Protein backbone atom coordinates (compact mmCIF):
# COMPACT_ATOMS: atom_id res chain seq x y z
CA MET A 1 133.48 12.36 -55.83
CA LYS A 2 132.77 8.86 -55.36
CA LEU A 3 133.58 6.06 -57.76
CA SER A 4 130.45 3.68 -58.92
CA ARG A 5 130.80 0.02 -56.95
CA ASP A 6 132.39 -2.83 -58.69
CA GLU A 7 129.55 -4.30 -60.17
CA LEU A 8 130.76 -8.00 -58.36
CA PHE A 9 130.25 -6.42 -55.32
CA ALA A 10 126.52 -7.66 -54.02
CA GLU A 11 127.83 -10.86 -55.42
CA ALA A 12 130.91 -10.92 -53.57
CA GLY A 13 129.81 -9.46 -49.82
CA CYS A 14 126.96 -12.07 -50.32
CA LEU A 15 130.22 -14.55 -51.43
CA ILE A 16 132.02 -12.94 -47.80
CA ILE A 17 129.32 -13.18 -45.52
CA ARG A 18 128.17 -16.98 -46.28
CA THR A 19 131.22 -18.15 -46.30
CA ASN A 20 133.14 -16.41 -43.28
CA ARG A 21 136.12 -15.75 -45.94
CA ALA A 22 137.55 -12.21 -46.51
CA TYR A 23 140.68 -12.65 -48.36
CA ILE A 24 141.52 -10.90 -51.54
CA ALA A 25 142.42 -14.15 -52.86
CA TRP A 26 139.34 -15.01 -52.49
CA LEU A 27 137.46 -13.35 -54.36
CA GLN A 28 140.35 -13.60 -56.90
CA HIS A 29 140.29 -17.40 -56.95
CA PHE A 30 135.94 -17.48 -57.08
CA PHE A 31 135.65 -14.99 -59.89
CA LYS A 32 137.94 -15.98 -61.66
CA ILE A 33 139.58 -11.32 -61.53
CA ARG A 34 142.97 -10.18 -61.17
CA PHE A 35 144.31 -8.70 -57.70
CA GLY A 36 143.67 -5.08 -58.07
CA ARG A 37 140.01 -5.74 -59.31
CA ALA A 38 139.36 -7.93 -56.10
CA PHE A 39 141.29 -5.61 -54.29
CA ARG A 40 138.79 -2.57 -55.24
CA ILE A 41 135.97 -4.58 -54.12
CA MET A 42 136.80 -5.08 -51.11
CA GLU A 43 137.51 -1.27 -50.07
CA GLN A 44 134.32 -0.79 -50.93
CA LEU A 45 133.52 -3.56 -49.12
CA THR A 46 135.28 -1.30 -46.44
CA GLU A 47 133.78 1.76 -47.35
CA ALA A 48 130.99 -0.15 -46.64
CA GLY A 49 131.25 -1.87 -44.07
CA VAL A 50 131.10 -5.01 -44.57
CA VAL A 51 134.48 -5.96 -43.46
CA ASP A 52 136.86 -4.41 -41.30
CA LYS A 53 139.97 -2.63 -42.36
CA GLU A 54 142.93 -4.83 -43.35
CA PRO A 55 144.11 -6.13 -39.96
CA GLY A 56 148.03 -6.56 -41.43
CA ALA A 57 147.98 -10.30 -41.72
CA GLY A 58 144.97 -12.66 -41.77
CA PRO A 59 141.74 -12.16 -43.06
CA ARG A 60 139.50 -9.10 -42.31
CA GLU A 61 136.66 -9.44 -39.98
CA ILE A 62 133.39 -9.23 -41.53
CA LEU A 63 131.26 -7.04 -39.83
CA MET A 64 127.71 -7.65 -41.38
CA THR A 65 125.35 -10.48 -41.53
CA ALA A 66 123.72 -11.28 -44.10
CA GLU A 67 120.19 -9.56 -43.30
CA GLU A 68 122.59 -6.40 -42.77
CA PHE A 69 123.70 -6.74 -46.32
CA GLU A 70 120.09 -7.50 -48.07
CA PRO A 71 120.10 -3.42 -48.52
CA TYR A 72 122.79 -3.98 -51.39
CA LEU A 73 121.07 -6.23 -52.61
CA LEU A 74 117.59 -5.03 -54.01
CA SER A 75 118.27 -1.69 -56.03
CA PRO A 76 116.67 -3.82 -59.96
CA ALA A 77 120.62 -3.67 -61.31
CA ASN A 78 121.79 -6.02 -58.93
CA SER A 79 118.72 -8.43 -59.30
CA ALA A 80 119.39 -8.58 -62.79
CA ARG A 81 122.81 -9.75 -61.68
CA GLU A 82 121.25 -12.54 -59.11
CA MET A 83 119.66 -13.61 -61.94
CA SER A 84 121.84 -13.59 -64.61
CA ARG A 85 124.97 -15.19 -62.38
CA GLU A 86 121.59 -18.01 -61.06
CA LYS A 87 121.70 -18.56 -64.87
CA ARG A 88 124.70 -18.79 -65.48
CA GLU A 89 125.63 -21.12 -62.47
CA ASN A 90 122.72 -24.15 -63.78
CA ASN A 91 124.24 -23.65 -66.97
CA GLU A 92 127.93 -24.72 -65.46
CA GLY A 93 125.44 -26.88 -63.46
CA GLU A 94 124.13 -28.53 -66.84
CA ALA A 95 127.62 -28.91 -67.91
CA GLU A 96 129.15 -31.20 -65.43
CA SER A 97 126.34 -33.20 -65.85
CA GLU A 98 126.64 -34.38 -69.53
């Protein structure tokens, strides 16, 4: 039985592809999550073919382009999360400008 993907899966995939950084620590820092969750997200991204398996030391190789990752963004649940994320970012931007 395959477990469902983490709710940050699509956002994490976009982040890794956009920034060209495939580190567990990067996910921890950016999303303010614990190591275990960041590790599981990275494993899910590996299973989906977004990033390569852990090389031992250093970053994982990114195997997908943004265009190839698009199908993961098209589900209704991911669209709702994306709108929620944009709203959060807009609110944070407004708070910083005050």
